[in-house]
Amino acid sequence: MELYLIVAAIICILCILASNLSYRIGVPSLLLFILLGMMFGTDGIFRINFSDYALSETICSIALVFIMFYGGFCTNWHEARPVAAKSIILSSAGVILTAVITGLFCYYVLKTSLLEGFLIGSILSSTDAASVFSILRVKKLNLVNGMASVLEVESGSNDPVSYMLTIIVLGIMSGKASAASIGIIFSKEVLFGLLFGAVTGCAGYFIFRIDHFRSREMLPILGMSMALLTYGLSNSIGGNGFLSVYIAGIIIGNSKIHYKAEMVHFFDGITGVMQIVLFFLLGLLCFPSRIIPVLLPAAGIWTFMLFIARPIVVALILTPFKVPFREQLLVSWAGLRGAVSIVFAILAVLSPNALELDIFHIVFCVCLLSVSIQGSLLPWMAKKLNVIGPTDDIFRTFNDYSADPAVHLTEIRLPKGHPWIDHTLKDIIIPDGMMAVMILRDGKTVIPRGDTMILADDTIILNSTAYTDSSMKLREVQIGPYHPWVNQKISDLTLPKDTLIFLIQRSGNSLIPDGQTCVKDGDRLILNA
């Protein structure tokens, strides 16, 4: 027992060190996790004899549950909504087209059987959420025109379609699938997946809105339980658990819930652990000696998908949306194949069908090439195509907006008559500990200097150190149509001596009130108490 614990600890330490190394050498940390797994595997240096595909599929599925939930939880729906149509079409019709085109390539060029070709195409048809989320966040790449959101939502929602295609092809190969059964499988996967994702997501919202938990430290555990419950319920009746988990994550993560920052940081750590387990285990399952015989066909499939299949699909779907050509090129390049495809290949290995090809190692090799080459060059491609947004920071797209929670940004709008108007920054008095970092003027960004003149209708962004003293207690007051404060000015309210209304949330916006602000039905008042 002690030996297993020592080995597990050493593996985790090596993976963490490899993650740190990835920053220096510019390759995705996920690739290093896979390589470490191969090094510890049967054909590696340490020769751990492991080939339990069934156990691997179970462990990898659990890891993907947390990765998918966190991907949905941290996707800012406000940013993603304008590009949702593109993403959904890419994750549905795009996956089917990719599978068909790739399957025909395998059949006509690599001379596989038609069904084996379509099986390979189906397994590799989805882009990998774990790889896309990891690379965009680690490299802090914010892409123009919502492209980061396109990639996030596509990779987070396209696995169910790829999974269904894989199951359908395996069913046809075993002679158990008919047109009617295919339609039933497809309908159940999507409908029940969406239904259970929505139901458990809404249930999670109400649970997390409970005002008083005895231990706020247990809330992340509650989040983990909600993710596992969502996956289990959906799968138990034939829905797609991954789709359900992703939808539930979006609903909960984009809701006004307590202690969201703590949830984000907890799941950031848990997802990191799950990525280590997932990619290390897949590397451990691989036999490097079996890669050499399939290297040439795998390289051919990867090259065809990267330069022909993916660009064709992206062009067919995004051109009607008038997406510029350079942005289409970036979306094509960012179609990474990774852990999910390898997990689906395990399903093929576990199926009773006799397969002539070593599909697991073909898919593994394709994904290895995709993560190592496409993933490593993704930041470089984004810069070459000039599609990096002005903030150069993907955290704008996630609900965890701030990379450093100790830094707080304050927005001050200056209407006509404000005493700062027509003065330079060096001539106004800004409190110590604050600094003007940006001015928004007529839809443009101005980087402030000491001699920058302040004009009417400017918006000044100030930074300051966030207040973290937990002794300050806050409470919310929800205003309904019959609340005694409704339609009254704040100056007319009778409040306790030590109570102040310092924020009003109204119709999705946050307002800083003054004495003349009128309280309205539907407002949520934030008070210090």
Protein backbone atom coordinates (compact mmCIF):
# COMPACT_ATOMS: atom_id res chain seq x y z
CA MET A 1 0.00 0.00 0.00
CA GLU A 2 2.77 2.41 0.98
CA LEU A 3 4.57 1.72 -2.31
CA TYR A 4 1.47 2.66 -4.32
CA LEU A 5 1.12 5.89 -2.35
CA ILE A 6 4.76 6.77 -2.93
CA VAL A 7 4.47 6.11 -6.67
CA ALA A 8 1.24 8.14 -6.89
CA ALA A 9 2.86 11.05 -5.02
CA ILE A 10 5.94 10.97 -7.26
CA ILE A 11 3.77 10.95 -10.37
CA CYS A 12 1.76 13.96 -9.14
CA ILE A 13 4.93 15.88 -8.28
CA LEU A 14 6.43 15.13 -11.70
CA CYS A 15 3.24 16.23 -13.46
CA ILE A 16 3.18 19.51 -11.53
CA LEU A 17 6.85 20.12 -12.35
CA ALA A 18 6.10 19.26 -15.99
CA SER A 19 3.27 21.79 -15.96
CA ASN A 20 5.70 24.44 -14.76
CA LEU A 21 8.18 23.37 -17.45
CA SER A 22 5.53 23.74 -20.14
CA TYR A 23 5.46 27.51 -19.54
CA ARG A 24 9.17 27.70 -20.27
CA ILE A 25 9.32 25.55 -23.41
CA GLY A 26 5.98 26.68 -24.86
CA VAL A 27 4.21 23.32 -25.19
CA PRO A 28 0.85 22.39 -23.62
CA SER A 29 1.21 20.80 -20.19
CA LEU A 30 -1.31 18.15 -21.28
CA LEU A 31 1.24 16.81 -23.76
CA LEU A 32 3.82 16.43 -21.01
CA PHE A 33 1.28 14.55 -18.86
CA ILE A 34 0.74 12.08 -21.72
CA LEU A 35 4.47 11.64 -22.26
CA LEU A 36 5.00 11.00 -18.54
CA GLY A 37 2.28 8.36 -18.68
CA MET A 38 4.00 6.69 -21.64
CA MET A 39 7.31 6.80 -19.75
CA PHE A 40 5.76 4.96 -16.79
CA GLY A 41 3.84 2.50 -19.00
CA THR A 42 4.55 -1.04 -20.15
CA ASP A 43 6.95 0.03 -22.91
CA GLY A 44 8.43 2.89 -20.90
CA ILE A 45 11.26 3.22 -18.43
CA PHE A 46 9.37 2.14 -15.32
CA ARG A 47 7.30 -0.56 -17.08
CA ILE A 48 4.07 -0.38 -15.09
CA ASN A 49 1.99 -3.15 -16.65
CA PHE A 50 -1.42 -1.55 -17.19
CA SER A 51 -3.90 -2.39 -19.94
CA ASP A 52 -7.29 -2.28 -18.21
CA TYR A 53 -9.39 -0.43 -20.80
CA ALA A 54 -12.65 -0.82 -18.86
CA LEU A 55 -11.23 0.73 -15.68
CA SER A 56 -9.56 3.46 -17.74
CA GLU A 57 -12.84 4.33 -19.44
CA THR A 58 -14.57 4.68 -16.05
CA ILE A 59 -11.83 6.84 -14.52
CA CYS A 60 -11.54 9.03 -17.63
CA SER A 61 -15.31 9.56 -17.74
CA ILE A 62 -15.31 10.76 -14.12
CA ALA A 63 -12.43 13.12 -14.87
CA LEU A 64 -14.28 14.49 -17.90
CA VAL A 65 -17.37 15.15 -15.75
CA PHE A 66 -15.44 17.70 -13.67
CA ILE A 67 -13.65 19.17 -16.69
CA MET A 68 -16.94 19.64 -18.57
CA PHE A 69 -18.74 21.06 -15.51
CA TYR A 70 -15.95 23.55 -14.88
CA GLY A 71 -15.88 24.49 -18.56
CA GLY A 72 -19.59 25.32 -18.42
CA PHE A 73 -19.33 26.98 -14.99
CA CYS A 74 -16.62 29.38 -16.16
CA THR A 75 -18.11 30.18 -19.57
CA ASN A 76 -19.54 33.69 -19.48
CA TRP A 77 -22.89 33.32 -21.24
CA HIS A 78 -23.11 37.08 -21.75
CA GLU A 79 -19.99 36.84 -23.91
CA ALA A 80 -20.97 33.52 -25.49
CA ARG A 81 -24.62 34.26 -26.36
CA PRO A 82 -23.90 36.40 -29.47
CA VAL A 83 -21.85 33.54 -30.98
CA ALA A 84 -23.97 30.66 -29.68
CA ALA A 85 -25.54 29.92 -33.09
CA LYS A 86 -22.13 29.49 -34.73
CA SER A 87 -20.90 27.29 -31.90
CA ILE A 88 -23.98 25.07 -31.82
CA ILE A 89 -23.91 24.49 -35.59
CA LEU A 90 -20.18 23.70 -35.40
CA SER A 91 -20.81 21.28 -32.53
CA SER A 92 -23.63 19.44 -34.33
CA ALA A 93 -23.62 19.67 -38.13
CA GLY A 94 -19.88 20.38 -38.04
CA VAL A 95 -19.16 17.17 -36.13
CA ILE A 96 -21.27 15.09 -38.53
CA LEU A 97 -19.61 16.62 -41.60
CA THR A 98 -16.15 16.07 -40.09
CA ALA A 99 -16.94 12.42 -39.38
CA VAL A 100 -18.24 11.81 -42.91
CA ILE A 101 -15.38 13.59 -44.69
CA THR A 102 -12.73 11.90 -42.54
CA GLY A 103 -14.42 8.51 -42.90
CA LEU A 104 -14.40 8.80 -46.70
CA PHE A 105 -10.70 9.73 -46.62
CA CYS A 106 -9.90 6.63 -44.56
CA TYR A 107 -11.95 4.47 -46.96
CA TYR A 108 -10.61 5.77 -50.28
CA VAL A 109 -7.03 6.72 -49.33
CA LEU A 110 -6.08 4.47 -46.41
CA LYS A 111 -8.15 1.55 -47.77
CA THR A 112 -9.99 0.79 -44.55
CA SER A 113 -13.43 -0.76 -44.64
CA LEU A 114 -16.22 1.81 -44.97
CA LEU A 115 -17.51 1.22 -41.44
CA GLU A 116 -14.05 1.33 -39.88
CA GLY A 117 -13.38 4.55 -41.75
CA PHE A 118 -16.59 6.09 -40.41
CA LEU A 119 -15.74 4.78 -36.94
CA ILE A 120 -12.39 6.58 -37.00
CA GLY A 121 -14.07 9.71 -38.35
CA SER A 122 -16.76 9.58 -35.63
CA ILE A 123 -14.25 9.09 -32.81
CA LEU A 124 -12.11 12.01 -34.03
CA SER A 125 -14.99 14.30 -35.05
CA SER A 126 -15.18 16.40 -31.86
CA THR A 127 -12.74 19.02 -30.65
CA ASP A 128 -11.39 18.41 -27.18
CA ALA A 129 -12.78 20.59 -24.38
CA ALA A 130 -9.98 19.77 -21.91
CA SER A 131 -7.29 20.80 -24.39
CA VAL A 132 -9.06 23.93 -25.63
CA PHE A 133 -9.98 25.18 -22.14
CA SER A 134 -6.49 24.48 -20.83
CA ILE A 135 -4.54 26.11 -23.66
CA LEU A 136 -6.72 29.22 -23.87
CA ARG A 137 -6.58 29.78 -20.12
CA VAL A 138 -2.93 28.93 -19.55
CA LYS A 139 -1.78 31.07 -22.48
CA LYS A 140 -4.33 33.79 -21.53
CA LEU A 141 -5.43 34.20 -25.13
CA ASN A 142 -8.40 36.46 -25.71
CA LEU A 143 -9.50 36.33 -29.35
CA VAL A 144 -11.37 39.03 -31.25
CA ASN A 145 -15.09 38.98 -32.10
CA GLY A 146 -15.99 36.35 -29.53
CA MET A 147 -13.85 33.65 -31.16
CA ALA A 148 -12.70 32.37 -27.77
CA SER A 149 -16.34 31.85 -26.82
CA VAL A 150 -16.98 30.09 -30.14
CA LEU A 151 -14.19 27.62 -29.40
CA GLU A 152 -15.22 27.13 -25.77
CA VAL A 153 -18.90 26.46 -26.46
CA GLU A 154 -18.13 24.30 -29.49
CA SER A 155 -15.62 22.11 -27.66
CA GLY A 156 -17.83 21.92 -24.58
CA SER A 157 -20.96 20.85 -26.45
CA ASN A 158 -19.78 18.73 -29.40
CA ASP A 159 -18.79 15.58 -27.50
CA PRO A 160 -22.37 14.24 -27.31
CA VAL A 161 -22.73 14.23 -31.11
CA SER A 162 -19.37 12.51 -31.54
CA TYR A 163 -20.32 9.98 -28.87
CA MET A 164 -23.65 9.25 -30.55
CA LEU A 165 -21.98 8.78 -33.94
CA THR A 166 -19.47 6.39 -32.38
CA ILE A 167 -22.22 4.34 -30.68
CA ILE A 168 -24.29 4.28 -33.88
CA VAL A 169 -21.39 3.04 -36.04
CA LEU A 170 -20.50 0.39 -33.45
CA GLY A 171 -24.16 -0.67 -33.40
CA ILE A 172 -24.25 -0.97 -37.19
CA MET A 173 -21.03 -3.03 -37.14
CA SER A 174 -22.59 -5.42 -34.62
CA GLY A 175 -25.82 -5.63 -36.63
CA LYS A 176 -27.91 -4.30 -33.74
CA ALA A 177 -28.68 -0.82 -35.10
CA SER A 178 -31.58 0.10 -37.36
CA ALA A 179 -32.81 3.41 -38.70
CA ALA A 180 -35.46 3.53 -35.96
CA SER A 181 -33.01 2.70 -33.17
CA ILE A 182 -30.55 5.31 -34.46
CA GLY A 183 -33.27 7.95 -34.30
CA ILE A 184 -34.25 6.88 -30.78
CA ILE A 185 -30.65 6.92 -29.56
CA PHE A 186 -30.05 10.36 -31.04
CA SER A 187 -33.26 11.82 -29.60
CA LYS A 188 -32.73 10.36 -26.12
CA GLU A 189 -29.12 11.50 -25.95
CA VAL A 190 -29.92 15.10 -26.87
CA LEU A 191 -33.33 15.62 -25.29
CA PHE A 192 -32.60 13.92 -21.97
CA GLY A 193 -29.13 15.47 -21.91
CA LEU A 194 -30.59 18.98 -22.28
CA LEU A 195 -33.49 18.25 -19.91
CA PHE A 196 -31.43 16.90 -17.02
CA GLY A 197 -28.79 19.58 -17.51
CA ALA A 198 -31.46 22.29 -17.25
CA VAL A 199 -33.29 20.69 -14.31
CA THR A 200 -30.22 20.01 -12.17
CA GLY A 201 -28.72 23.36 -13.14
CA CYS A 202 -31.83 25.19 -11.92
CA ALA A 203 -31.94 23.02 -8.79
CA GLY A 204 -28.30 23.84 -8.14
CA TYR A 205 -29.07 27.55 -8.51
CA PHE A 206 -31.72 27.44 -5.80
CA ILE A 207 -29.53 25.33 -3.50
CA PHE A 208 -26.56 27.68 -3.86
CA ARG A 209 -28.84 30.66 -3.23
CA ILE A 210 -29.55 29.48 0.33
CA ASP A 211 -28.41 32.38 2.49
CA HIS A 212 -26.81 30.57 5.41
CA PHE A 213 -24.62 27.50 5.14
CA ARG A 214 -22.97 26.31 8.33
CA SER A 215 -19.71 25.83 6.46
CA ARG A 216 -19.05 27.78 3.29
CA GLU A 217 -15.98 25.59 2.74
CA MET A 218 -18.33 22.71 1.94
CA LEU A 219 -19.99 24.51 -0.98
CA PRO A 220 -17.39 23.31 -3.52
CA ILE A 221 -18.08 19.74 -2.37
CA LEU A 222 -21.74 20.45 -3.03
CA GLY A 223 -20.76 21.60 -6.54
CA MET A 224 -18.87 18.35 -7.14
CA SER A 225 -21.87 16.37 -5.96
CA MET A 226 -24.19 18.29 -8.29
CA ALA A 227 -21.90 17.52 -11.25
CA LEU A 228 -21.78 13.80 -10.46
CA LEU A 229 -25.53 13.68 -9.80
CA THR A 230 -26.26 15.36 -13.12
CA TYR A 231 -24.07 12.93 -15.03
CA GLY A 232 -25.45 9.87 -13.24
CA LEU A 233 -29.13 10.80 -13.63
CA SER A 234 -28.78 11.65 -17.31
CA ASN A 235 -26.82 8.52 -18.20
CA SER A 236 -29.15 6.26 -16.23
CA ILE A 237 -32.09 6.95 -18.57
CA GLY A 238 -30.16 7.19 -21.83
CA GLY A 239 -29.29 10.88 -21.91
CA ASN A 240 -25.83 12.22 -22.63
CA GLY A 241 -24.22 12.88 -19.28
CA PHE A 242 -21.47 15.13 -20.63
CA LEU A 243 -24.00 17.42 -22.30
CA SER A 244 -26.07 17.55 -19.09
CA VAL A 245 -23.04 18.40 -16.97
CA TYR A 246 -21.97 21.17 -19.35
CA ILE A 247 -25.48 22.72 -19.43
CA ALA A 248 -25.78 22.53 -15.63
CA GLY A 249 -22.38 24.19 -15.30
CA ILE A 250 -23.43 27.07 -17.57
CA ILE A 251 -26.66 27.65 -15.62
CA ILE A 252 -25.04 27.56 -12.17
CA GLY A 253 -21.92 29.48 -13.20
CA ASN A 254 -23.91 32.32 -14.78
CA SER A 255 -26.27 32.69 -11.82
CA LYS A 256 -25.99 35.06 -8.89
CA ILE A 257 -24.83 32.55 -6.28
CA HIS A 258 -22.93 32.98 -3.03
CA TYR A 259 -19.16 32.53 -2.84
CA LYS A 260 -18.69 32.06 -6.57
CA ALA A 261 -15.02 33.09 -6.39
CA GLU A 262 -14.27 30.28 -3.91
CA MET A 263 -16.08 27.83 -6.20
CA VAL A 264 -14.03 28.90 -9.21
CA HIS A 265 -10.69 28.57 -7.45
CA PHE A 266 -11.64 25.19 -5.97
CA PHE A 267 -12.75 23.78 -9.33
CA ASP A 268 -9.66 25.25 -10.97
CA GLY A 269 -7.58 23.04 -8.68
CA ILE A 270 -9.82 19.98 -9.03
CA THR A 271 -9.84 20.31 -12.82
CA GLY A 272 -6.06 20.51 -12.80
CA VAL A 273 -5.93 17.23 -10.87
CA MET A 274 -8.46 15.63 -13.23
CA GLN A 275 -6.41 16.69 -16.26
CA ILE A 276 -3.31 15.11 -14.72
CA VAL A 277 -5.20 11.87 -14.03
CA LEU A 278 -6.87 11.83 -17.44
CA PHE A 279 -3.88 12.48 -19.66
CA PHE A 280 -1.40 10.51 -17.55
CA LEU A 281 -3.71 7.49 -17.54
CA LEU A 282 -4.17 7.66 -21.32
CA GLY A 283 -0.41 7.81 -21.74
CA LEU A 284 -0.03 4.86 -19.36
CA LEU A 285 -2.52 2.87 -21.41
CA CYS A 286 -0.56 3.44 -24.61
CA PHE A 287 2.11 1.04 -25.89
CA PRO A 288 4.74 3.23 -27.65
CA SER A 289 5.97 0.19 -29.60
CA ARG A 290 2.56 0.00 -31.29
CA ILE A 291 2.69 3.64 -32.43
CA ILE A 292 5.41 3.04 -35.03
CA PRO A 293 3.28 0.73 -37.25
CA VAL A 294 0.35 3.19 -37.23
CA LEU A 295 2.37 6.41 -37.35
CA LEU A 296 2.07 6.92 -41.11
CA PRO A 297 -1.73 6.43 -41.39
CA ALA A 298 -2.27 8.45 -38.20
CA ALA A 299 -0.14 11.30 -39.54
CA GLY A 300 -2.12 11.15 -42.80
CA ILE A 301 -5.45 11.37 -40.93
CA TRP A 302 -4.22 14.27 -38.78
CA THR A 303 -2.85 16.17 -41.77
CA PHE A 304 -6.07 15.64 -43.75
CA MET A 305 -8.25 16.78 -40.86
CA LEU A 306 -6.11 19.83 -40.13
CA PHE A 307 -5.66 21.14 -43.68
CA ILE A 308 -8.74 19.83 -45.52
CA ALA A 309 -11.61 18.43 -43.43
CA ARG A 310 -11.68 21.03 -40.65
CA PRO A 311 -11.21 24.07 -42.96
CA ILE A 312 -13.99 22.80 -45.28
CA VAL A 313 -16.40 22.35 -42.38
CA VAL A 314 -15.51 25.71 -40.81
CA ALA A 315 -15.86 27.53 -44.14
CA LEU A 316 -19.25 25.95 -44.88
CA ILE A 317 -20.61 26.90 -41.46
CA LEU A 318 -18.98 30.26 -40.70
CA THR A 319 -19.02 31.87 -44.16
CA PRO A 320 -22.81 32.48 -44.03
CA PHE A 321 -22.19 34.32 -40.73
CA LYS A 322 -19.71 36.57 -42.62
CA VAL A 323 -16.81 35.54 -40.38
CA PRO A 324 -13.53 36.93 -41.84
CA PHE A 325 -11.22 34.43 -43.53
CA ARG A 326 -8.37 34.90 -41.02
CA GLU A 327 -10.73 34.13 -38.14
CA GLN A 328 -11.92 31.01 -39.96
CA LEU A 329 -8.28 29.92 -40.29
CA LEU A 330 -7.76 30.31 -36.54
CA VAL A 331 -10.94 28.35 -35.72
CA SER A 332 -9.75 25.63 -38.10
CA TRP A 333 -6.34 25.46 -36.44
CA ALA A 334 -7.86 25.42 -32.95
CA GLY A 335 -9.86 22.25 -33.68
CA LEU A 336 -7.74 20.19 -31.29
CA ARG A 337 -8.29 16.44 -30.92
CA GLY A 338 -7.51 15.07 -27.49
CA ALA A 339 -8.65 13.12 -24.46
CA VAL A 340 -12.31 12.70 -25.40
CA SER A 341 -11.43 11.08 -28.71
CA ILE A 342 -9.08 8.66 -26.96
CA VAL A 343 -11.81 7.79 -24.44
CA PHE A 344 -14.21 7.10 -27.35
CA ALA A 345 -11.50 4.89 -28.91
CA ILE A 346 -11.52 2.88 -25.67
CA LEU A 347 -15.25 2.27 -26.28
CA ALA A 348 -14.34 0.81 -29.68
CA VAL A 349 -11.74 -1.46 -28.09
CA LEU A 350 -14.27 -2.65 -25.49
CA SER A 351 -16.92 -3.39 -28.14
CA PRO A 352 -17.38 -7.05 -29.16
CA ASN A 353 -16.79 -6.20 -32.83
CA ALA A 354 -13.66 -7.63 -34.43
CA LEU A 355 -11.60 -4.67 -35.67
CA GLU A 356 -8.76 -5.18 -38.11
CA LEU A 357 -7.14 -1.84 -37.24
CA ASP A 358 -5.49 -0.81 -33.98
CA ILE A 359 -7.93 2.06 -33.64
CA PHE A 360 -6.86 3.00 -30.12
CA HIS A 361 -3.25 3.70 -31.10
CA ILE A 362 -4.25 5.36 -34.39
CA VAL A 363 -6.52 7.77 -32.50
CA PHE A 364 -3.92 8.20 -29.74
CA CYS A 365 -1.27 9.14 -32.30
CA VAL A 366 -3.59 11.60 -34.07
CA CYS A 367 -4.40 13.28 -30.77
CA LEU A 368 -0.73 13.36 -29.78
CA LEU A 369 0.12 15.16 -33.02
CA SER A 370 -2.81 17.53 -32.60
CA VAL A 371 -2.05 18.56 -29.03
CA SER A 372 1.72 18.79 -29.55
CA ILE A 373 1.78 20.67 -32.87
CA GLN A 374 -1.56 22.50 -33.10
CA GLY A 375 -1.70 23.24 -29.38
CA SER A 376 1.89 24.48 -29.17
CA LEU A 377 1.51 26.71 -32.23
CA LEU A 378 -1.96 28.06 -31.36
CA PRO A 379 -0.68 31.28 -29.67
CA TRP A 380 1.75 31.84 -32.54
CA MET A 381 -0.99 31.34 -35.13
CA ALA A 382 -3.28 33.75 -33.28
CA LYS A 383 -0.60 36.44 -33.37
CA LYS A 384 0.28 35.80 -37.02
CA LEU A 385 -3.37 36.04 -38.04
CA ASN A 386 -3.79 39.16 -35.88
CA VAL A 387 -6.84 37.84 -34.04
CA ILE A 388 -5.74 38.46 -30.44
CA GLY A 389 -8.02 40.91 -28.64
CA PRO A 390 -6.71 44.13 -27.09
CA THR A 391 -6.72 42.70 -23.56
CA ASP A 392 -4.71 39.61 -24.60
CA ASP A 393 -6.46 37.83 -21.73
CA ILE A 394 -8.91 34.96 -21.99
CA PHE A 395 -10.14 35.58 -18.43
CA ARG A 396 -12.49 38.20 -19.89
CA THR A 397 -14.42 35.28 -21.37
CA PHE A 398 -14.63 33.32 -18.14
CA ASN A 399 -16.72 34.10 -15.08
CA ASP A 400 -13.55 34.28 -13.02
CA TYR A 401 -12.60 37.64 -14.51
CA SER A 402 -9.68 38.55 -12.33
CA ALA A 403 -6.38 36.73 -12.46
CA ASP A 404 -5.44 38.41 -9.18
CA PRO A 405 -8.40 38.65 -6.78
CA ALA A 406 -6.54 41.24 -4.69
CA VAL A 407 -6.86 43.81 -7.51
CA HIS A 408 -10.15 45.66 -7.92
CA LEU A 409 -11.21 47.81 -10.88
CA THR A 410 -13.59 50.73 -10.35
CA GLU A 411 -15.54 52.47 -13.10
CA ILE A 412 -16.36 56.19 -12.75
CA ARG A 413 -18.53 57.91 -15.35
CA LEU A 414 -18.12 61.68 -15.64
CA PRO A 415 -21.28 63.52 -16.75
CA LYS A 416 -21.29 67.19 -17.72
CA GLY A 417 -20.64 69.39 -14.71
CA HIS A 418 -18.37 66.92 -12.93
CA PRO A 419 -15.50 68.81 -11.21
CA TRP A 420 -12.85 66.72 -13.01
CA ILE A 421 -14.00 67.87 -16.48
CA ASP A 422 -11.46 69.93 -18.46
CA HIS A 423 -8.63 69.10 -16.07
CA THR A 424 -5.60 66.92 -16.71
CA LEU A 425 -5.06 63.78 -14.66
CA LYS A 426 -2.13 65.30 -12.80
CA ASP A 427 -4.32 68.22 -11.70
CA ILE A 428 -7.09 66.17 -10.07
CA ILE A 429 -6.97 64.54 -6.68
CA ILE A 430 -7.20 60.74 -6.80
CA PRO A 431 -7.11 58.99 -3.42
CA ASP A 432 -3.82 57.38 -2.45
CA GLY A 433 -3.68 53.72 -3.40
CA MET A 434 -5.70 54.26 -6.59
CA MET A 435 -4.52 54.80 -10.17
CA ALA A 436 -6.25 55.64 -13.46
CA VAL A 437 -5.51 52.72 -15.79
CA MET A 438 -7.86 53.42 -18.72
CA ILE A 439 -10.23 56.02 -20.14
CA LEU A 440 -13.17 55.03 -22.35
CA ARG A 441 -14.08 57.86 -24.73
CA ASP A 442 -16.54 57.67 -27.64
CA GLY A 443 -16.19 53.90 -27.84
CA LYS A 444 -12.38 54.06 -27.91
CA THR A 445 -9.75 53.22 -25.32
CA VAL A 446 -7.32 55.92 -24.16
CA ILE A 447 -4.25 54.96 -22.13
CA PRO A 448 -3.98 57.79 -19.59
CA ARG A 449 -0.92 59.92 -18.94
CA GLY A 450 -0.40 62.78 -16.52
CA ASP A 451 -1.18 65.38 -19.21
CA THR A 452 -4.30 63.57 -20.51
CA MET A 453 -7.26 65.98 -20.52
CA ILE A 454 -10.51 64.67 -19.01
CA LEU A 455 -13.61 65.40 -21.10
CA ALA A 456 -17.33 65.26 -20.43
CA ASP A 457 -18.89 61.79 -20.75
CA ASP A 458 -15.53 60.06 -20.24
CA THR A 459 -15.44 56.85 -18.23
CA ILE A 460 -12.34 56.45 -16.07
CA ILE A 461 -11.23 53.01 -14.86
CA LEU A 462 -9.36 53.09 -11.55
CA ASN A 463 -7.54 50.21 -9.91
CA SER A 464 -7.17 49.71 -6.20
CA THR A 465 -6.45 47.00 -3.67
CA ALA A 466 -9.51 44.87 -2.96
CA TYR A 467 -10.95 44.92 0.55
CA THR A 468 -10.69 41.42 2.01
CA ASP A 469 -11.56 41.90 5.71
CA SER A 470 -14.15 39.20 6.43
CA SER A 471 -15.50 41.16 9.42
CA MET A 472 -17.67 43.25 7.10
CA LYS A 473 -21.09 41.62 6.86
CA LEU A 474 -23.35 42.16 3.88
CA ARG A 475 -26.98 41.32 3.30
CA GLU A 476 -29.42 41.54 0.42
CA VAL A 477 -32.93 42.93 0.35
CA GLN A 478 -35.15 41.87 -2.54
CA ILE A 479 -37.75 44.54 -3.41
CA GLY A 480 -41.18 43.26 -4.41
CA PRO A 481 -44.30 45.17 -5.51
CA TYR A 482 -45.57 45.38 -1.90
CA HIS A 483 -42.29 46.12 -0.14
CA PRO A 484 -42.55 49.27 2.00
CA TRP A 485 -39.48 50.78 0.29
CA VAL A 486 -40.74 50.45 -3.29
CA ASN A 487 -41.00 53.74 -5.25
CA GLN A 488 -39.30 55.71 -2.47
CA LYS A 489 -36.08 57.73 -2.60
CA ILE A 490 -33.24 56.37 -0.50
CA SER A 491 -33.05 59.67 1.39
CA ASP A 492 -36.67 59.14 2.52
CA LEU A 493 -36.08 55.67 3.95
CA THR A 494 -35.76 55.09 7.66
CA LEU A 495 -32.66 52.93 8.02
CA PRO A 496 -30.78 51.85 11.16
CA LYS A 497 -27.96 54.22 12.08
CA ASP A 498 -25.14 51.86 11.01
CA THR A 499 -26.75 50.62 7.76
CA LEU A 500 -25.98 51.86 4.25
CA ILE A 501 -27.38 50.86 0.87
CA PHE A 502 -24.26 50.89 -1.28
CA LEU A 503 -25.30 48.90 -4.37
CA ILE A 504 -28.50 48.28 -6.33
CA GLN A 505 -28.76 45.42 -8.82
CA ARG A 506 -31.43 46.29 -11.38
CA SER A 507 -32.24 44.46 -14.65
CA GLY A 508 -28.81 42.84 -14.74
CA ASN A 509 -26.97 46.12 -14.06
CA SER A 510 -25.24 47.36 -10.91
CA LEU A 511 -26.00 50.93 -9.79
CA ILE A 512 -24.19 53.04 -7.21
CA PRO A 513 -27.04 54.87 -5.48
CA ASP A 514 -27.27 58.31 -3.91
CA GLY A 515 -29.97 59.93 -1.82
CA GLN A 516 -32.10 60.77 -4.87
CA THR A 517 -32.08 57.22 -6.25
CA CYS A 518 -35.59 55.77 -6.30
CA VAL A 519 -36.07 52.15 -5.24
CA LYS A 520 -38.05 50.13 -7.81
CA ASP A 521 -39.90 46.85 -7.93
CA GLY A 522 -37.46 44.01 -8.76
CA ASP A 523 -34.40 45.77 -7.31
CA ARG A 524 -31.93 43.83 -5.19
CA LEU A 525 -30.37 46.11 -2.57
CA ILE A 526 -26.97 45.33 -1.08
CA LEU A 527 -26.51 46.68 2.44
CA ASN A 528 -23.75 46.56 5.00
CA ALA A 529 -25.04 45.33 8.32
